[in-house]
Amino acid sequence: MSSSAFLSTVLEQVVKLNGDNWHTWQAQILMVFQLNDSDDIVSGKEPEPDALKEWRRKNKLAVTLMWSCIEPEWQHLVLGQPLG
């Protein structure tokens, strides 16, 4: 199974954030971030200057992954929001 297929399979298992399931959703989405090596985005650690471009790419991916795992009526809360 390719890594993108595996990521899709894992994403399908993440519950949609709906306002009542924060802790479950948070734990599951953090596992997704670990899978695609973007967990450093939500750690709060500042990137080194030479790593900034890669950090920005990972941030965009992390926001998109989170957005896909949120109920539609809550998705507006992450649109245009960086994680770091």
PDB file of N, CA and C in Angstrom:
ATOM      1  N   MET A   1       0.850  -1.173   0.000  1.00  0.00           N
ATOM      2  CA  MET A   1       0.000   0.000   0.000  1.00  0.00           C
ATOM      3  C   MET A   1       0.896   1.236   0.000  1.00  0.00           C
ATOM      4  N   SER A   2       0.599   2.193  -0.879  1.00  0.00           N
ATOM      5  CA  SER A   2       1.405   3.407  -0.935  1.00  0.00           C
ATOM      6  C   SER A   2       1.158   4.260   0.301  1.00  0.00           C
ATOM      7  N   SER A   3       2.080   5.180   0.570  1.00  0.00           N
ATOM      8  CA  SER A   3       1.936   6.015   1.762  1.00  0.00           C
ATOM      9  C   SER A   3       0.713   6.914   1.662  1.00  0.00           C
ATOM     10  N   SER A   4       0.384   7.389   0.459  1.00  0.00           N
ATOM     11  CA  SER A   4      -0.808   8.230   0.321  1.00  0.00           C
ATOM     12  C   SER A   4      -2.079   7.406   0.509  1.00  0.00           C
ATOM     13  N   ALA A   5      -2.076   6.165   0.077  1.00  0.00           N
ATOM     14  CA  ALA A   5      -3.236   5.294   0.292  1.00  0.00           C
ATOM     15  C   ALA A   5      -3.393   4.984   1.781  1.00  0.00           C
ATOM     16  N   PHE A   6      -2.264   4.762   2.446  1.00  0.00           N
ATOM     17  CA  PHE A   6      -2.311   4.502   3.888  1.00  0.00           C
ATOM     18  C   PHE A   6      -2.816   5.723   4.633  1.00  0.00           C
ATOM     19  N   LEU A   7      -2.341   6.920   4.244  1.00  0.00           N
ATOM     20  CA  LEU A   7      -2.810   8.153   4.862  1.00  0.00           C
ATOM     21  C   LEU A   7      -4.317   8.299   4.671  1.00  0.00           C
ATOM     22  N   SER A   8      -4.797   8.005   3.477  1.00  0.00           N
ATOM     23  CA  SER A   8      -6.249   8.078   3.213  1.00  0.00           C
ATOM     24  C   SER A   8      -7.021   7.113   4.100  1.00  0.00           C
ATOM     25  N   THR A   9      -6.493   5.912   4.276  1.00  0.00           N
ATOM     26  CA  THR A   9      -7.136   4.914   5.122  1.00  0.00           C
ATOM     27  C   THR A   9      -7.203   5.392   6.571  1.00  0.00           C
ATOM     28  N   VAL A  10      -6.110   5.960   7.050  1.00  0.00           N
ATOM     29  CA  VAL A  10      -6.080   6.472   8.429  1.00  0.00           C
ATOM     30  C   VAL A  10      -7.041   7.656   8.574  1.00  0.00           C
ATOM     31  N   LEU A  11      -7.050   8.556   7.595  1.00  0.00           N
ATOM     32  CA  LEU A  11      -7.946   9.714   7.653  1.00  0.00           C
ATOM     33  C   LEU A  11      -9.416   9.297   7.713  1.00  0.00           C
ATOM     34  N   GLU A  12      -9.765   8.235   7.025  1.00  0.00           N
ATOM     35  CA  GLU A  12     -11.146   7.750   7.044  1.00  0.00           C
ATOM     36  C   GLU A  12     -11.577   7.333   8.446  1.00  0.00           C
ATOM     37  N   GLN A  13     -10.621   6.983   9.293  1.00  0.00           N
ATOM     38  CA  GLN A  13     -10.930   6.540  10.648  1.00  0.00           C
ATOM     39  C   GLN A  13     -11.064   7.692  11.641  1.00  0.00           C
ATOM     40  N   VAL A  14     -10.633   8.889  11.256  1.00  0.00           N
ATOM     41  CA  VAL A  14     -10.716  10.035  12.152  1.00  0.00           C
ATOM     42  C   VAL A  14     -12.165  10.522  12.213  1.00  0.00           C
ATOM     43  N   VAL A  15     -12.681  10.635  13.428  1.00  0.00           N
ATOM     44  CA  VAL A  15     -14.037  11.152  13.587  1.00  0.00           C
ATOM     45  C   VAL A  15     -14.055  12.613  13.176  1.00  0.00           C
ATOM     46  N   LYS A  16     -15.176  13.073  12.668  1.00  0.00           N
ATOM     47  CA  LYS A  16     -15.319  14.479  12.321  1.00  0.00           C
ATOM     48  C   LYS A  16     -15.533  15.272  13.604  1.00  0.00           C
ATOM     49  N   LEU A  17     -14.742  16.328  13.770  1.00  0.00           N
ATOM     50  CA  LEU A  17     -14.898  17.202  14.924  1.00  0.00           C
ATOM     51  C   LEU A  17     -16.250  17.876  14.838  1.00  0.00           C
ATOM     52  N   ASN A  18     -17.028  17.799  15.918  1.00  0.00           N
ATOM     53  CA  ASN A  18     -18.380  18.334  15.872  1.00  0.00           C
ATOM     54  C   ASN A  18     -18.719  19.210  17.068  1.00  0.00           C
ATOM     55  N   GLY A  19     -17.769  19.541  17.886  1.00  0.00           N
ATOM     56  CA  GLY A  19     -18.033  20.381  19.050  1.00  0.00           C
ATOM     57  C   GLY A  19     -18.226  19.596  20.332  1.00  0.00           C
ATOM     58  N   ASP A  20     -18.471  18.300  20.214  1.00  0.00           N
ATOM     59  CA  ASP A  20     -18.693  17.459  21.389  1.00  0.00           C
ATOM     60  C   ASP A  20     -17.638  16.374  21.553  1.00  0.00           C
ATOM     61  N   ASN A  21     -16.695  16.290  20.618  1.00  0.00           N
ATOM     62  CA  ASN A  21     -15.761  15.168  20.642  1.00  0.00           C
ATOM     63  C   ASN A  21     -14.302  15.618  20.515  1.00  0.00           C
ATOM     64  N   TRP A  22     -13.985  16.763  21.101  1.00  0.00           N
ATOM     65  CA  TRP A  22     -12.654  17.351  20.973  1.00  0.00           C
ATOM     66  C   TRP A  22     -11.546  16.374  21.330  1.00  0.00           C
ATOM     67  N   HIS A  23     -11.602  15.709  22.474  1.00  0.00           N
ATOM     68  CA  HIS A  23     -10.502  14.866  22.933  1.00  0.00           C
ATOM     69  C   HIS A  23     -10.260  13.671  22.014  1.00  0.00           C
ATOM     70  N   THR A  24     -11.317  13.048  21.549  1.00  0.00           N
ATOM     71  CA  THR A  24     -11.173  11.926  20.616  1.00  0.00           C
ATOM     72  C   THR A  24     -10.573  12.403  19.305  1.00  0.00           C
ATOM     73  N   TRP A  25     -11.137  13.491  18.764  1.00  0.00           N
ATOM     74  CA  TRP A  25     -10.657  14.033  17.499  1.00  0.00           C
ATOM     75  C   TRP A  25      -9.200  14.454  17.607  1.00  0.00           C
ATOM     76  N   GLN A  26      -8.838  15.147  18.677  1.00  0.00           N
ATOM     77  CA  GLN A  26      -7.473  15.625  18.860  1.00  0.00           C
ATOM     78  C   GLN A  26      -6.475  14.462  18.864  1.00  0.00           C
ATOM     79  N   ALA A  27      -6.779  13.416  19.596  1.00  0.00           N
ATOM     80  CA  ALA A  27      -5.881  12.260  19.653  1.00  0.00           C
ATOM     81  C   ALA A  27      -5.733  11.625  18.268  1.00  0.00           C
ATOM     82  N   GLN A  28      -6.834  11.501  17.545  1.00  0.00           N
ATOM     83  CA  GLN A  28      -6.792  10.865  16.229  1.00  0.00           C
ATOM     84  C   GLN A  28      -6.057  11.728  15.206  1.00  0.00           C
ATOM     85  N   ILE A  29      -6.297  13.038  15.205  1.00  0.00           N
ATOM     86  CA  ILE A  29      -5.654  13.895  14.211  1.00  0.00           C
ATOM     87  C   ILE A  29      -4.157  14.014  14.494  1.00  0.00           C
ATOM     88  N   LEU A  30      -3.762  13.942  15.750  1.00  0.00           N
ATOM     89  CA  LEU A  30      -2.333  13.958  16.073  1.00  0.00           C
ATOM     90  C   LEU A  30      -1.631  12.720  15.519  1.00  0.00           C
ATOM     91  N   MET A  31      -2.315  11.593  15.509  1.00  0.00           N
ATOM     92  CA  MET A  31      -1.747  10.388  14.905  1.00  0.00           C
ATOM     93  C   MET A  31      -1.558  10.578  13.400  1.00  0.00           C
ATOM     94  N   VAL A  32      -2.488  11.252  12.750  1.00  0.00           N
ATOM     95  CA  VAL A  32      -2.353  11.545  11.321  1.00  0.00           C
ATOM     96  C   VAL A  32      -1.132  12.426  11.091  1.00  0.00           C
ATOM     97  N   PHE A  33      -0.972  13.448  11.939  1.00  0.00           N
ATOM     98  CA  PHE A  33       0.178  14.345  11.796  1.00  0.00           C
ATOM     99  C   PHE A  33       1.485  13.584  11.988  1.00  0.00           C
ATOM    100  N   GLN A  34       1.514  12.655  12.917  1.00  0.00           N
ATOM    101  CA  GLN A  34       2.721  11.851  13.120  1.00  0.00           C
ATOM    102  C   GLN A  34       3.003  10.993  11.889  1.00  0.00           C
ATOM    103  N   LEU A  35       1.961  10.457  11.302  1.00  0.00           N
ATOM    104  CA  LEU A  35       2.110   9.604  10.126  1.00  0.00           C
ATOM    105  C   LEU A  35       2.761  10.347   8.960  1.00  0.00           C
ATOM    106  N   ASN A  36       2.371  11.605   8.753  1.00  0.00           N
ATOM    107  CA  ASN A  36       2.937  12.335   7.615  1.00  0.00           C
ATOM    108  C   ASN A  36       4.041  13.305   8.032  1.00  0.00           C
ATOM    109  N   ASP A  37       4.565  13.097   9.232  1.00  0.00           N
ATOM    110  CA  ASP A  37       5.719  13.859   9.727  1.00  0.00           C
ATOM    111  C   ASP A  37       5.447  15.352   9.824  1.00  0.00           C
ATOM    112  N   SER A  38       4.220  15.732  10.150  1.00  0.00           N
ATOM    113  CA  SER A  38       3.914  17.149  10.356  1.00  0.00           C
ATOM    114  C   SER A  38       3.530  17.428  11.803  1.00  0.00           C
ATOM    115  N   ASP A  39       3.824  16.505  12.714  1.00  0.00           N
ATOM    116  CA  ASP A  39       3.488  16.711  14.118  1.00  0.00           C
ATOM    117  C   ASP A  39       4.291  17.845  14.741  1.00  0.00           C
ATOM    118  N   ASP A  40       5.445  18.189  14.150  1.00  0.00           N
ATOM    119  CA  ASP A  40       6.212  19.315  14.669  1.00  0.00           C
ATOM    120  C   ASP A  40       5.482  20.640  14.460  1.00  0.00           C
ATOM    121  N   ILE A  41       4.537  20.681  13.552  1.00  0.00           N
ATOM    122  CA  ILE A  41       3.754  21.890  13.296  1.00  0.00           C
ATOM    123  C   ILE A  41       2.930  22.273  14.524  1.00  0.00           C
ATOM    124  N   VAL A  42       2.340  21.308  15.186  1.00  0.00           N
ATOM    125  CA  VAL A  42       1.476  21.599  16.327  1.00  0.00           C
ATOM    126  C   VAL A  42       2.214  21.563  17.660  1.00  0.00           C
ATOM    127  N   SER A  43       3.522  21.334  17.619  1.00  0.00           N
ATOM    128  CA  SER A  43       4.295  21.256  18.860  1.00  0.00           C
ATOM    129  C   SER A  43       4.574  22.627  19.462  1.00  0.00           C
ATOM    130  N   GLY A  44       4.458  23.680  18.653  1.00  0.00           N
ATOM    131  CA  GLY A  44       4.755  25.017  19.127  1.00  0.00           C
ATOM    132  C   GLY A  44       6.224  25.387  18.991  1.00  0.00           C
ATOM    133  N   LYS A  45       7.038  24.462  18.500  1.00  0.00           N
ATOM    134  CA  LYS A  45       8.467  24.708  18.331  1.00  0.00           C
ATOM    135  C   LYS A  45       8.700  25.553  17.082  1.00  0.00           C
ATOM    136  N   GLU A  46       9.465  26.617  17.225  1.00  0.00           N
ATOM    137  CA  GLU A  46       9.770  27.497  16.101  1.00  0.00           C
ATOM    138  C   GLU A  46      10.753  26.806  15.156  1.00  0.00           C
ATOM    139  N   PRO A  47      10.519  26.914  13.840  1.00  0.00           N
ATOM    140  CA  PRO A  47      11.452  26.303  12.898  1.00  0.00           C
ATOM    141  C   PRO A  47      12.731  27.128  12.769  1.00  0.00           C
ATOM    142  N   GLU A  48      13.794  26.468  12.423  1.00  0.00           N
ATOM    143  CA  GLU A  48      15.051  27.158  12.113  1.00  0.00           C
ATOM    144  C   GLU A  48      14.864  27.883  10.782  1.00  0.00           C
ATOM    145  N   PRO A  49      15.571  28.991  10.552  1.00  0.00           N
ATOM    146  CA  PRO A  49      15.384  29.757   9.308  1.00  0.00           C
ATOM    147  C   PRO A  49      15.523  28.923   8.032  1.00  0.00           C
ATOM    148  N   ASP A  50      16.478  27.999   7.984  1.00  0.00           N
ATOM    149  CA  ASP A  50      16.651  27.203   6.773  1.00  0.00           C
ATOM    150  C   ASP A  50      15.566  26.146   6.598  1.00  0.00           C
ATOM    151  N   ALA A  51      14.805  25.889   7.629  1.00  0.00           N
ATOM    152  CA  ALA A  51      13.733  24.897   7.561  1.00  0.00           C
ATOM    153  C   ALA A  51      12.359  25.547   7.391  1.00  0.00           C
ATOM    154  N   LEU A  52      12.318  26.862   7.262  1.00  0.00           N
ATOM    155  CA  LEU A  52      11.039  27.578   7.222  1.00  0.00           C
ATOM    156  C   LEU A  52      10.167  27.180   6.034  1.00  0.00           C
ATOM    157  N   LYS A  53      10.755  27.005   4.859  1.00  0.00           N
ATOM    158  CA  LYS A  53       9.965  26.637   3.682  1.00  0.00           C
ATOM    159  C   LYS A  53       9.286  25.292   3.885  1.00  0.00           C
ATOM    160  N   GLU A  54      10.030  24.309   4.406  1.00  0.00           N
ATOM    161  CA  GLU A  54       9.453  22.985   4.674  1.00  0.00           C
ATOM    162  C   GLU A  54       8.391  23.074   5.764  1.00  0.00           C
ATOM    163  N   TRP A  55       8.630  23.892   6.776  1.00  0.00           N
ATOM    164  CA  TRP A  55       7.665  24.073   7.863  1.00  0.00           C
ATOM    165  C   TRP A  55       6.361  24.632   7.308  1.00  0.00           C
ATOM    166  N   ARG A  56       6.457  25.609   6.414  1.00  0.00           N
ATOM    167  CA  ARG A  56       5.246  26.202   5.814  1.00  0.00           C
ATOM    168  C   ARG A  56       4.481  25.165   4.988  1.00  0.00           C
ATOM    169  N   ARG A  57       5.205  24.311   4.252  1.00  0.00           N
ATOM    170  CA  ARG A  57       4.552  23.258   3.471  1.00  0.00           C
ATOM    171  C   ARG A  57       3.811  22.303   4.393  1.00  0.00           C
ATOM    172  N   LYS A  58       4.470  21.901   5.485  1.00  0.00           N
ATOM    173  CA  LYS A  58       3.839  20.989   6.440  1.00  0.00           C
ATOM    174  C   LYS A  58       2.644  21.645   7.111  1.00  0.00           C
ATOM    175  N   ASN A  59       2.743  22.946   7.389  1.00  0.00           N
ATOM    176  CA  ASN A  59       1.636  23.659   8.020  1.00  0.00           C
ATOM    177  C   ASN A  59       0.403  23.644   7.116  1.00  0.00           C
ATOM    178  N   LYS A  60       0.597  23.917   5.836  1.00  0.00           N
ATOM    179  CA  LYS A  60      -0.525  23.885   4.896  1.00  0.00           C
ATOM    180  C   LYS A  60      -1.158  22.500   4.842  1.00  0.00           C
ATOM    181  N   LEU A  61      -0.317  21.476   4.813  1.00  0.00           N
ATOM    182  CA  LEU A  61      -0.831  20.111   4.784  1.00  0.00           C
ATOM    183  C   LEU A  61      -1.599  19.792   6.066  1.00  0.00           C
ATOM    184  N   ALA A  62      -1.056  20.189   7.214  1.00  0.00           N
ATOM    185  CA  ALA A  62      -1.715  19.907   8.491  1.00  0.00           C
ATOM    186  C   ALA A  62      -3.069  20.596   8.575  1.00  0.00           C
ATOM    187  N   VAL A  63      -3.160  21.839   8.129  1.00  0.00           N
ATOM    188  CA  VAL A  63      -4.437  22.561   8.154  1.00  0.00           C
ATOM    189  C   VAL A  63      -5.444  21.869   7.241  1.00  0.00           C
ATOM    190  N   THR A  64      -5.000  21.441   6.066  1.00  0.00           N
ATOM    191  CA  THR A  64      -5.889  20.744   5.134  1.00  0.00           C
ATOM    192  C   THR A  64      -6.378  19.421   5.727  1.00  0.00           C
ATOM    193  N   LEU A  65      -5.486  18.679   6.375  1.00  0.00           N
ATOM    194  CA  LEU A  65      -5.887  17.421   7.011  1.00  0.00           C
ATOM    195  C   LEU A  65      -6.905  17.676   8.117  1.00  0.00           C
ATOM    196  N   MET A  66      -6.654  18.686   8.938  1.00  0.00           N
ATOM    197  CA  MET A  66      -7.613  19.002  10.003  1.00  0.00           C
ATOM    198  C   MET A  66      -8.963  19.392   9.421  1.00  0.00           C
ATOM    199  N   TRP A  67      -8.944  20.260   8.410  1.00  0.00           N
ATOM    200  CA  TRP A  67     -10.176  20.723   7.786  1.00  0.00           C
ATOM    201  C   TRP A  67     -11.002  19.546   7.277  1.00  0.00           C
ATOM    202  N   SER A  68     -10.329  18.540   6.722  1.00  0.00           N
ATOM    203  CA  SER A  68     -11.045  17.387   6.174  1.00  0.00           C
ATOM    204  C   SER A  68     -11.665  16.517   7.265  1.00  0.00           C
ATOM    205  N   CYS A  69     -11.278  16.732   8.507  1.00  0.00           N
ATOM    206  CA  CYS A  69     -11.767  15.921   9.621  1.00  0.00           C
ATOM    207  C   CYS A  69     -12.623  16.739  10.577  1.00  0.00           C
ATOM    208  N   ILE A  70     -13.295  17.747  10.044  1.00  0.00           N
ATOM    209  CA  ILE A  70     -14.172  18.598  10.842  1.00  0.00           C
ATOM    210  C   ILE A  70     -15.532  18.644  10.157  1.00  0.00           C
ATOM    211  N   GLU A  71     -16.584  18.590  10.929  1.00  0.00           N
ATOM    212  CA  GLU A  71     -17.927  18.706  10.364  1.00  0.00           C
ATOM    213  C   GLU A  71     -18.036  20.022   9.589  1.00  0.00           C
ATOM    214  N   PRO A  72     -18.773  20.020   8.462  1.00  0.00           N
ATOM    215  CA  PRO A  72     -18.834  21.205   7.601  1.00  0.00           C
ATOM    216  C   PRO A  72     -19.196  22.507   8.313  1.00  0.00           C
ATOM    217  N   GLU A  73     -20.073  22.457   9.285  1.00  0.00           N
ATOM    218  CA  GLU A  73     -20.478  23.712   9.943  1.00  0.00           C
ATOM    219  C   GLU A  73     -19.382  24.304  10.830  1.00  0.00           C
ATOM    220  N   TRP A  74     -18.314  23.542  11.087  1.00  0.00           N
ATOM    221  CA  TRP A  74     -17.188  24.021  11.901  1.00  0.00           C
ATOM    222  C   TRP A  74     -15.947  24.310  11.049  1.00  0.00           C
ATOM    223  N   GLN A  75     -15.954  23.928   9.794  1.00  0.00           N
ATOM    224  CA  GLN A  75     -14.759  24.055   8.956  1.00  0.00           C
ATOM    225  C   GLN A  75     -14.291  25.497   8.780  1.00  0.00           C
ATOM    226  N   HIS A  76     -15.194  26.443   8.837  1.00  0.00           N
ATOM    227  CA  HIS A  76     -14.807  27.855   8.662  1.00  0.00           C
ATOM    228  C   HIS A  76     -13.814  28.307   9.744  1.00  0.00           C
ATOM    229  N   LEU A  77     -13.766  27.613  10.859  1.00  0.00           N
ATOM    230  CA  LEU A  77     -12.878  28.003  11.950  1.00  0.00           C
ATOM    231  C   LEU A  77     -11.400  27.790  11.638  1.00  0.00           C
ATOM    232  N   VAL A  78     -11.086  26.907  10.700  1.00  0.00           N
ATOM    233  CA  VAL A  78      -9.683  26.673  10.352  1.00  0.00           C
ATOM    234  C   VAL A  78      -9.281  27.260   9.013  1.00  0.00           C
ATOM    235  N   LEU A  79     -10.220  27.750   8.238  1.00  0.00           N
ATOM    236  CA  LEU A  79      -9.880  28.318   6.936  1.00  0.00           C
ATOM    237  C   LEU A  79      -8.980  29.535   7.108  1.00  0.00           C
ATOM    238  N   GLY A  80      -7.830  29.493   6.475  1.00  0.00           N
ATOM    239  CA  GLY A  80      -6.888  30.599   6.534  1.00  0.00           C
ATOM    240  C   GLY A  80      -6.132  30.729   7.839  1.00  0.00           C
ATOM    241  N   GLN A  81      -6.218  29.731   8.700  1.00  0.00           N
ATOM    242  CA  GLN A  81      -5.549  29.786   9.997  1.00  0.00           C
ATOM    243  C   GLN A  81      -4.286  28.944  10.000  1.00  0.00           C
ATOM    244  N   PRO A  82      -3.130  29.561  10.239  1.00  0.00           N
ATOM    245  CA  PRO A  82      -1.918  28.754  10.420  1.00  0.00           C
ATOM    246  C   PRO A  82      -1.953  28.083  11.763  1.00  0.00           C
ATOM    247  N   LEU A  83      -1.260  26.963  11.911  1.00  0.00           N
ATOM    248  CA  LEU A  83      -1.238  26.260  13.189  1.00  0.00           C
ATOM    249  C   LEU A  83      -0.191  26.816  14.136  1.00  0.00           C
ATOM    250  N   GLY A  84       0.885  27.318  13.614  1.00  0.00           N
ATOM    251  CA  GLY A  84       2.004  27.726  14.451  1.00  0.00           C
ATOM    252  C   GLY A  84       1.921  29.127  14.963  1.00  0.00           C
TER     253      GLY A  84
END
